[in-house]
């Protein structure tokens, strides 16, 4: 009986150990992207005025568009307002992030985007405009 309990405990411990890398990997997938890189690492690669032909600018801009779109879903559902991200271009995002990161090399670009969203003019919406994107 003691041997059975020992084996069961060993198997349980092994299962926990094997699950750790999977949990860490899943967490990394939820928190990745150029907007989460350190400012100190990213800023030298960005070129204000470089446009979308400069790959780091393009990656940052498209990441920011997705991030802001997701933030809009939250704002619509919580506050019934949103930011018109269609008016935000690559030059605005790149300049905003470069200036923020030069002043805050210990922060991340997402912090600049969050501040931008907080300060941006909001467009009021009707409560009926709020939606659950996963509703079927």
N, C-alpha and C. Protein backbone atom coordinates (compact mmCIF):
# COMPACT_ATOMS: atom_id res chain seq x y z
N UNK A 1 0.82 -1.18 0.00
CA UNK A 1 0.00 0.00 0.00
C UNK A 1 0.87 1.26 0.00
N UNK A 2 1.92 1.26 0.82
CA UNK A 2 2.82 2.40 0.88
C UNK A 2 3.47 2.63 -0.48
N UNK A 3 3.83 1.57 -1.16
CA UNK A 3 4.45 1.66 -2.47
C UNK A 3 3.49 2.29 -3.48
N UNK A 4 2.22 1.96 -3.41
CA UNK A 4 1.21 2.51 -4.30
C UNK A 4 1.09 4.02 -4.09
N UNK A 5 1.04 4.47 -2.83
CA UNK A 5 0.95 5.89 -2.51
C UNK A 5 2.19 6.64 -2.99
N UNK A 6 3.34 6.03 -2.82
CA UNK A 6 4.59 6.64 -3.25
C UNK A 6 4.59 6.82 -4.77
N UNK A 7 4.17 5.79 -5.48
CA UNK A 7 4.10 5.88 -6.95
C UNK A 7 3.10 6.94 -7.39
N UNK A 8 1.94 6.96 -6.73
CA UNK A 8 0.92 7.94 -7.07
C UNK A 8 1.42 9.36 -6.82
N UNK A 9 2.09 9.58 -5.71
CA UNK A 9 2.65 10.90 -5.41
C UNK A 9 3.73 11.27 -6.41
N UNK A 10 4.55 10.30 -6.79
CA UNK A 10 5.60 10.55 -7.77
C UNK A 10 5.01 10.92 -9.12
N UNK A 11 3.97 10.22 -9.54
CA UNK A 11 3.31 10.52 -10.81
C UNK A 11 2.67 11.90 -10.77
N UNK A 12 2.05 12.24 -9.65
CA UNK A 12 1.43 13.56 -9.51
C UNK A 12 2.49 14.66 -9.60
N UNK A 13 3.61 14.46 -8.92
CA UNK A 13 4.70 15.44 -8.95
C UNK A 13 5.27 15.57 -10.36
N UNK A 14 5.43 14.45 -11.04
CA UNK A 14 5.93 14.47 -12.41
C UNK A 14 4.97 15.22 -13.32
N UNK A 15 3.67 14.98 -13.14
CA UNK A 15 2.67 15.69 -13.93
C UNK A 15 2.74 17.19 -13.73
N UNK A 16 2.94 17.62 -12.49
CA UNK A 16 3.07 19.05 -12.20
C UNK A 16 4.31 19.64 -12.85
N UNK A 17 5.40 18.93 -12.77
CA UNK A 17 6.65 19.40 -13.37
C UNK A 17 6.52 19.50 -14.88
N UNK A 18 5.90 18.51 -15.50
CA UNK A 18 5.73 18.54 -16.95
C UNK A 18 4.77 19.64 -17.39
N UNK A 19 3.82 20.00 -16.56
CA UNK A 19 2.85 21.03 -16.92
C UNK A 19 3.44 22.44 -16.83
N UNK A 20 4.49 22.64 -16.07
CA UNK A 20 5.05 23.98 -15.90
C UNK A 20 5.47 24.63 -17.20
N UNK A 21 6.23 23.97 -18.07
CA UNK A 21 6.61 24.64 -19.31
C UNK A 21 5.41 24.99 -20.18
N UNK A 22 4.38 24.17 -20.16
CA UNK A 22 3.18 24.46 -20.95
C UNK A 22 2.50 25.71 -20.42
N UNK A 23 2.36 25.83 -19.11
CA UNK A 23 1.73 27.01 -18.52
C UNK A 23 2.56 28.26 -18.81
N UNK A 24 3.85 28.16 -18.69
CA UNK A 24 4.72 29.31 -18.97
C UNK A 24 4.63 29.69 -20.44
N UNK A 25 4.56 28.69 -21.31
CA UNK A 25 4.46 28.97 -22.75
C UNK A 25 3.14 29.65 -23.07
N UNK A 26 2.05 29.18 -22.48
CA UNK A 26 0.75 29.79 -22.73
C UNK A 26 0.74 31.24 -22.25
N UNK A 27 1.33 31.50 -21.09
CA UNK A 27 1.40 32.85 -20.57
C UNK A 27 2.19 33.75 -21.52
N UNK A 28 3.27 33.26 -22.06
CA UNK A 28 4.08 34.05 -23.00
C UNK A 28 3.28 34.38 -24.25
N UNK A 29 2.45 33.47 -24.71
CA UNK A 29 1.65 33.73 -25.90
C UNK A 29 0.61 34.82 -25.67
N UNK A 30 0.15 34.94 -24.44
CA UNK A 30 -0.84 35.95 -24.13
C UNK A 30 -0.23 37.33 -23.96
N UNK A 31 1.06 37.40 -23.76
CA UNK A 31 1.71 38.68 -23.50
C UNK A 31 2.93 38.85 -24.39
N UNK A 32 2.73 38.85 -25.69
CA UNK A 32 3.85 39.03 -26.60
C UNK A 32 3.51 40.11 -27.63
N UNK A 33 4.47 40.47 -28.38
CA UNK A 33 4.28 41.46 -29.44
C UNK A 33 5.26 42.59 -29.26
N UNK A 34 5.46 43.31 -30.34
CA UNK A 34 6.44 44.39 -30.36
C UNK A 34 6.10 45.48 -29.35
N UNK A 35 4.82 45.67 -29.07
CA UNK A 35 4.41 46.70 -28.12
C UNK A 35 4.77 46.39 -26.68
N UNK A 36 5.19 45.15 -26.43
CA UNK A 36 5.56 44.76 -25.08
C UNK A 36 7.07 44.62 -24.92
N UNK A 37 7.83 44.95 -25.97
CA UNK A 37 9.29 44.96 -25.88
C UNK A 37 9.69 46.14 -24.99
N UNK A 38 10.90 46.13 -24.53
CA UNK A 38 11.35 47.28 -23.72
C UNK A 38 11.62 48.47 -24.64
N UNK A 39 11.35 49.65 -24.13
CA UNK A 39 11.61 50.86 -24.90
C UNK A 39 13.08 50.95 -25.27
N UNK A 40 13.95 50.61 -24.32
CA UNK A 40 15.39 50.70 -24.57
C UNK A 40 15.80 49.82 -25.75
N UNK A 41 15.16 48.67 -25.88
CA UNK A 41 15.50 47.75 -26.97
C UNK A 41 14.88 48.17 -28.30
N UNK A 42 13.64 48.69 -28.27
CA UNK A 42 12.91 48.96 -29.51
C UNK A 42 13.26 50.30 -30.14
N UNK A 43 13.43 51.34 -29.34
CA UNK A 43 13.59 52.69 -29.88
C UNK A 43 14.68 52.83 -30.94
N UNK A 44 15.85 52.23 -30.78
CA UNK A 44 16.87 52.39 -31.82
C UNK A 44 16.46 51.81 -33.18
N UNK A 45 15.51 50.89 -33.19
CA UNK A 45 15.08 50.27 -34.45
C UNK A 45 14.00 51.07 -35.17
N UNK A 46 13.31 51.95 -34.47
CA UNK A 46 12.23 52.72 -35.09
C UNK A 46 12.79 53.94 -35.81
N UNK A 47 12.11 54.32 -36.91
CA UNK A 47 12.51 55.50 -37.68
C UNK A 47 11.30 56.40 -37.85
N UNK A 48 11.28 57.52 -37.13
CA UNK A 48 10.21 58.48 -37.33
C UNK A 48 10.31 58.97 -38.77
N UNK A 49 9.22 58.90 -39.50
CA UNK A 49 9.20 59.29 -40.91
C UNK A 49 9.61 58.16 -41.84
N UNK A 50 9.92 57.00 -41.29
CA UNK A 50 10.34 55.86 -42.11
C UNK A 50 9.21 55.15 -42.83
N UNK A 51 7.99 55.39 -42.40
CA UNK A 51 6.83 54.81 -43.05
C UNK A 51 6.71 53.30 -42.83
N UNK A 52 5.73 52.73 -43.50
CA UNK A 52 5.46 51.30 -43.36
C UNK A 52 6.44 50.43 -44.12
N UNK A 53 7.28 51.02 -44.95
CA UNK A 53 8.31 50.23 -45.63
C UNK A 53 9.45 49.87 -44.68
N UNK A 54 9.54 50.55 -43.56
CA UNK A 54 10.53 50.22 -42.53
C UNK A 54 9.88 49.20 -41.60
N UNK A 55 10.37 47.98 -41.61
CA UNK A 55 9.70 46.86 -40.94
C UNK A 55 9.38 47.10 -39.46
N UNK A 56 10.31 47.62 -38.63
CA UNK A 56 9.93 47.85 -37.22
C UNK A 56 8.76 48.82 -37.08
N UNK A 57 8.71 49.86 -37.93
CA UNK A 57 7.58 50.79 -37.91
C UNK A 57 6.28 50.07 -38.24
N UNK A 58 6.33 49.25 -39.28
CA UNK A 58 5.13 48.51 -39.71
C UNK A 58 4.66 47.56 -38.63
N UNK A 59 5.60 46.83 -38.03
CA UNK A 59 5.23 45.90 -36.97
C UNK A 59 4.59 46.63 -35.79
N UNK A 60 5.17 47.75 -35.39
CA UNK A 60 4.62 48.53 -34.29
C UNK A 60 3.24 49.06 -34.64
N UNK A 61 3.09 49.62 -35.83
CA UNK A 61 1.82 50.20 -36.23
C UNK A 61 0.71 49.15 -36.26
N UNK A 62 0.96 48.02 -36.87
CA UNK A 62 -0.09 47.00 -36.97
C UNK A 62 -0.38 46.38 -35.60
N UNK A 63 0.63 46.24 -34.76
CA UNK A 63 0.39 45.77 -33.40
C UNK A 63 -0.49 46.78 -32.66
N UNK A 64 -0.16 48.08 -32.79
CA UNK A 64 -0.92 49.12 -32.10
C UNK A 64 -2.37 49.16 -32.59
N UNK A 65 -2.58 48.97 -33.90
CA UNK A 65 -3.94 48.95 -34.43
C UNK A 65 -4.76 47.83 -33.79
N UNK A 66 -4.17 46.67 -33.67
CA UNK A 66 -4.87 45.55 -33.03
C UNK A 66 -5.13 45.81 -31.57
N UNK A 67 -4.14 46.36 -30.89
CA UNK A 67 -4.28 46.67 -29.47
C UNK A 67 -5.37 47.71 -29.24
N UNK A 68 -5.36 48.76 -30.06
CA UNK A 68 -6.37 49.82 -29.91
C UNK A 68 -7.76 49.30 -30.26
N UNK A 69 -7.85 48.43 -31.23
CA UNK A 69 -9.15 47.84 -31.59
C UNK A 69 -9.70 47.03 -30.43
N UNK A 70 -8.85 46.25 -29.80
CA UNK A 70 -9.28 45.47 -28.63
C UNK A 70 -9.69 46.41 -27.49
N UNK A 71 -8.94 47.49 -27.29
CA UNK A 71 -9.28 48.46 -26.25
C UNK A 71 -10.64 49.09 -26.55
N UNK A 72 -10.93 49.32 -27.82
CA UNK A 72 -12.21 49.90 -28.20
C UNK A 72 -13.37 48.98 -27.82
N UNK A 73 -13.20 47.69 -27.96
CA UNK A 73 -14.26 46.75 -27.56
C UNK A 73 -14.54 46.94 -26.06
N UNK A 74 -13.48 47.01 -25.29
CA UNK A 74 -13.64 47.21 -23.85
C UNK A 74 -14.32 48.55 -23.56
N UNK A 75 -13.84 49.63 -24.20
CA UNK A 75 -14.42 50.95 -23.94
C UNK A 75 -15.88 51.00 -24.35
N UNK A 76 -16.23 50.39 -25.48
CA UNK A 76 -17.62 50.38 -25.91
C UNK A 76 -18.50 49.66 -24.89
N UNK A 77 -18.03 48.53 -24.41
CA UNK A 77 -18.83 47.74 -23.48
C UNK A 77 -18.89 48.33 -22.08
N UNK A 78 -17.85 49.05 -21.68
CA UNK A 78 -17.82 49.61 -20.32
C UNK A 78 -18.31 51.06 -20.26
N UNK A 79 -17.96 51.87 -21.25
CA UNK A 79 -18.22 53.31 -21.18
C UNK A 79 -19.08 53.82 -22.33
N UNK A 80 -19.44 52.97 -23.25
CA UNK A 80 -20.14 53.33 -24.49
C UNK A 80 -19.47 54.49 -25.22
N UNK A 81 -18.15 54.44 -25.30
CA UNK A 81 -17.41 55.36 -26.16
C UNK A 81 -16.21 54.61 -26.73
N UNK A 82 -15.55 55.22 -27.71
CA UNK A 82 -14.41 54.59 -28.35
C UNK A 82 -13.54 55.65 -29.01
N UNK A 83 -12.36 55.22 -29.46
CA UNK A 83 -11.43 56.09 -30.17
C UNK A 83 -11.46 55.67 -31.64
N UNK A 84 -11.55 56.64 -32.54
CA UNK A 84 -11.55 56.33 -33.97
C UNK A 84 -10.12 56.00 -34.40
N UNK A 85 -9.79 54.71 -34.40
CA UNK A 85 -8.42 54.30 -34.73
C UNK A 85 -8.15 54.42 -36.23
N UNK A 86 -9.18 54.61 -37.02
CA UNK A 86 -8.99 54.82 -38.45
C UNK A 86 -8.29 56.12 -38.77
N UNK A 87 -8.30 57.04 -37.83
CA UNK A 87 -7.64 58.34 -38.05
C UNK A 87 -6.20 58.34 -37.56
N UNK A 88 -5.77 57.25 -36.95
CA UNK A 88 -4.42 57.16 -36.39
C UNK A 88 -3.51 56.50 -37.42
N UNK A 89 -2.50 57.22 -37.87
CA UNK A 89 -1.61 56.66 -38.89
C UNK A 89 -0.27 56.21 -38.30
N UNK A 90 0.53 55.60 -39.15
CA UNK A 90 1.83 55.07 -38.72
C UNK A 90 2.72 56.16 -38.16
N UNK A 91 2.75 57.32 -38.81
CA UNK A 91 3.63 58.41 -38.35
C UNK A 91 3.26 58.85 -36.93
N UNK A 92 1.98 58.90 -36.64
CA UNK A 92 1.52 59.29 -35.30
C UNK A 92 1.99 58.29 -34.26
N UNK A 93 1.80 57.00 -34.55
CA UNK A 93 2.17 55.95 -33.59
C UNK A 93 3.68 55.91 -33.40
N UNK A 94 4.44 55.94 -34.49
CA UNK A 94 5.90 55.85 -34.39
C UNK A 94 6.46 57.04 -33.61
N UNK A 95 6.00 58.25 -33.93
CA UNK A 95 6.48 59.45 -33.24
C UNK A 95 6.10 59.39 -31.76
N UNK A 96 4.86 59.02 -31.49
CA UNK A 96 4.39 58.91 -30.11
C UNK A 96 5.24 57.95 -29.30
N UNK A 97 5.50 56.78 -29.86
CA UNK A 97 6.27 55.75 -29.14
C UNK A 97 7.73 56.16 -28.99
N UNK A 98 8.33 56.70 -30.03
CA UNK A 98 9.74 57.12 -29.95
C UNK A 98 9.91 58.20 -28.89
N UNK A 99 9.05 59.22 -28.90
CA UNK A 99 9.18 60.28 -27.91
C UNK A 99 8.96 59.75 -26.49
N UNK A 100 7.95 58.89 -26.32
CA UNK A 100 7.69 58.31 -25.01
C UNK A 100 8.87 57.46 -24.55
N UNK A 101 9.38 56.63 -25.44
CA UNK A 101 10.46 55.71 -25.08
C UNK A 101 11.78 56.43 -24.81
N UNK A 102 12.04 57.51 -25.53
CA UNK A 102 13.26 58.27 -25.24
C UNK A 102 13.21 58.86 -23.84
N UNK A 103 12.02 59.26 -23.41
CA UNK A 103 11.86 59.82 -22.07
C UNK A 103 11.73 58.74 -20.99
N UNK A 104 11.36 57.52 -21.41
CA UNK A 104 11.09 56.44 -20.46
C UNK A 104 11.69 55.12 -20.95
N UNK A 105 13.00 55.01 -21.03
CA UNK A 105 13.60 53.79 -21.60
C UNK A 105 13.31 52.53 -20.79
N UNK A 106 12.90 52.69 -19.55
CA UNK A 106 12.59 51.54 -18.70
C UNK A 106 11.15 51.04 -18.88
N UNK A 107 10.36 51.73 -19.68
CA UNK A 107 8.95 51.36 -19.89
C UNK A 107 8.81 50.58 -21.21
N UNK A 108 7.55 50.37 -21.61
CA UNK A 108 7.26 49.63 -22.84
C UNK A 108 6.37 50.47 -23.75
N UNK A 109 6.43 50.25 -25.06
CA UNK A 109 5.58 51.01 -25.99
C UNK A 109 4.09 50.95 -25.65
N UNK A 110 3.64 49.83 -25.11
CA UNK A 110 2.22 49.72 -24.76
C UNK A 110 1.81 50.80 -23.77
N UNK A 111 2.74 51.24 -22.93
CA UNK A 111 2.44 52.32 -21.98
C UNK A 111 2.13 53.62 -22.72
N UNK A 112 2.83 53.87 -23.82
CA UNK A 112 2.56 55.06 -24.64
C UNK A 112 1.20 54.95 -25.31
N UNK A 113 0.86 53.77 -25.79
CA UNK A 113 -0.43 53.57 -26.45
C UNK A 113 -1.57 53.70 -25.43
N UNK A 114 -1.38 53.16 -24.24
CA UNK A 114 -2.39 53.31 -23.19
C UNK A 114 -2.65 54.78 -22.88
N UNK A 115 -1.57 55.55 -22.74
CA UNK A 115 -1.70 56.99 -22.45
C UNK A 115 -2.41 57.69 -23.60
N UNK A 116 -2.05 57.32 -24.82
CA UNK A 116 -2.70 57.89 -26.00
C UNK A 116 -4.21 57.62 -25.96
N UNK A 117 -4.59 56.39 -25.65
CA UNK A 117 -6.01 56.03 -25.59
C UNK A 117 -6.73 56.78 -24.48
N UNK A 118 -6.08 56.95 -23.35
CA UNK A 118 -6.70 57.69 -22.24
C UNK A 118 -6.94 59.15 -22.61
N UNK A 119 -5.97 59.75 -23.31
CA UNK A 119 -6.04 61.18 -23.62
C UNK A 119 -6.81 61.49 -24.91
N UNK A 120 -7.01 60.51 -25.76
CA UNK A 120 -7.64 60.73 -27.07
C UNK A 120 -9.10 61.14 -26.92
N UNK A 121 -9.54 61.92 -27.89
CA UNK A 121 -10.94 62.31 -27.94
C UNK A 121 -11.78 61.05 -28.17
N UNK A 122 -12.80 60.90 -27.36
CA UNK A 122 -13.66 59.73 -27.46
C UNK A 122 -14.91 60.07 -28.27
N UNK A 123 -15.40 59.09 -28.96
CA UNK A 123 -16.65 59.23 -29.70
C UNK A 123 -17.72 58.49 -28.89
N UNK A 124 -18.78 59.20 -28.58
CA UNK A 124 -19.88 58.59 -27.82
C UNK A 124 -20.65 57.63 -28.71
N UNK A 125 -21.10 56.57 -28.12
CA UNK A 125 -21.88 55.57 -28.85
C UNK A 125 -23.13 55.25 -28.05
N UNK A 126 -24.08 54.62 -28.73
CA UNK A 126 -25.29 54.18 -28.03
C UNK A 126 -24.98 52.86 -27.34
N UNK A 127 -25.70 52.58 -26.29
CA UNK A 127 -25.50 51.32 -25.57
C UNK A 127 -25.72 50.13 -26.51
N UNK A 128 -26.58 50.29 -27.49
CA UNK A 128 -26.86 49.21 -28.45
C UNK A 128 -25.66 48.94 -29.36
N UNK A 129 -24.69 49.89 -29.42
CA UNK A 129 -23.48 49.69 -30.22
C UNK A 129 -22.49 48.75 -29.55
N UNK A 130 -22.62 48.60 -28.23
CA UNK A 130 -21.74 47.68 -27.51
C UNK A 130 -22.07 46.26 -27.94
N UNK A 131 -21.06 45.40 -27.95
CA UNK A 131 -21.28 44.03 -28.41
C UNK A 131 -20.31 43.09 -27.76
N UNK A 132 -20.63 41.82 -27.85
CA UNK A 132 -19.75 40.76 -27.39
C UNK A 132 -19.20 40.10 -28.65
N UNK A 133 -17.92 40.30 -28.96
CA UNK A 133 -17.38 39.76 -30.22
C UNK A 133 -17.38 38.23 -30.28
N UNK A 134 -17.57 37.59 -29.15
CA UNK A 134 -17.56 36.13 -29.14
C UNK A 134 -18.96 35.56 -29.07
N UNK A 135 -19.95 36.43 -29.10
CA UNK A 135 -21.33 35.96 -29.04
C UNK A 135 -21.69 35.33 -30.39
N UNK A 136 -22.32 34.19 -30.35
CA UNK A 136 -22.70 33.52 -31.60
C UNK A 136 -24.19 33.48 -31.76
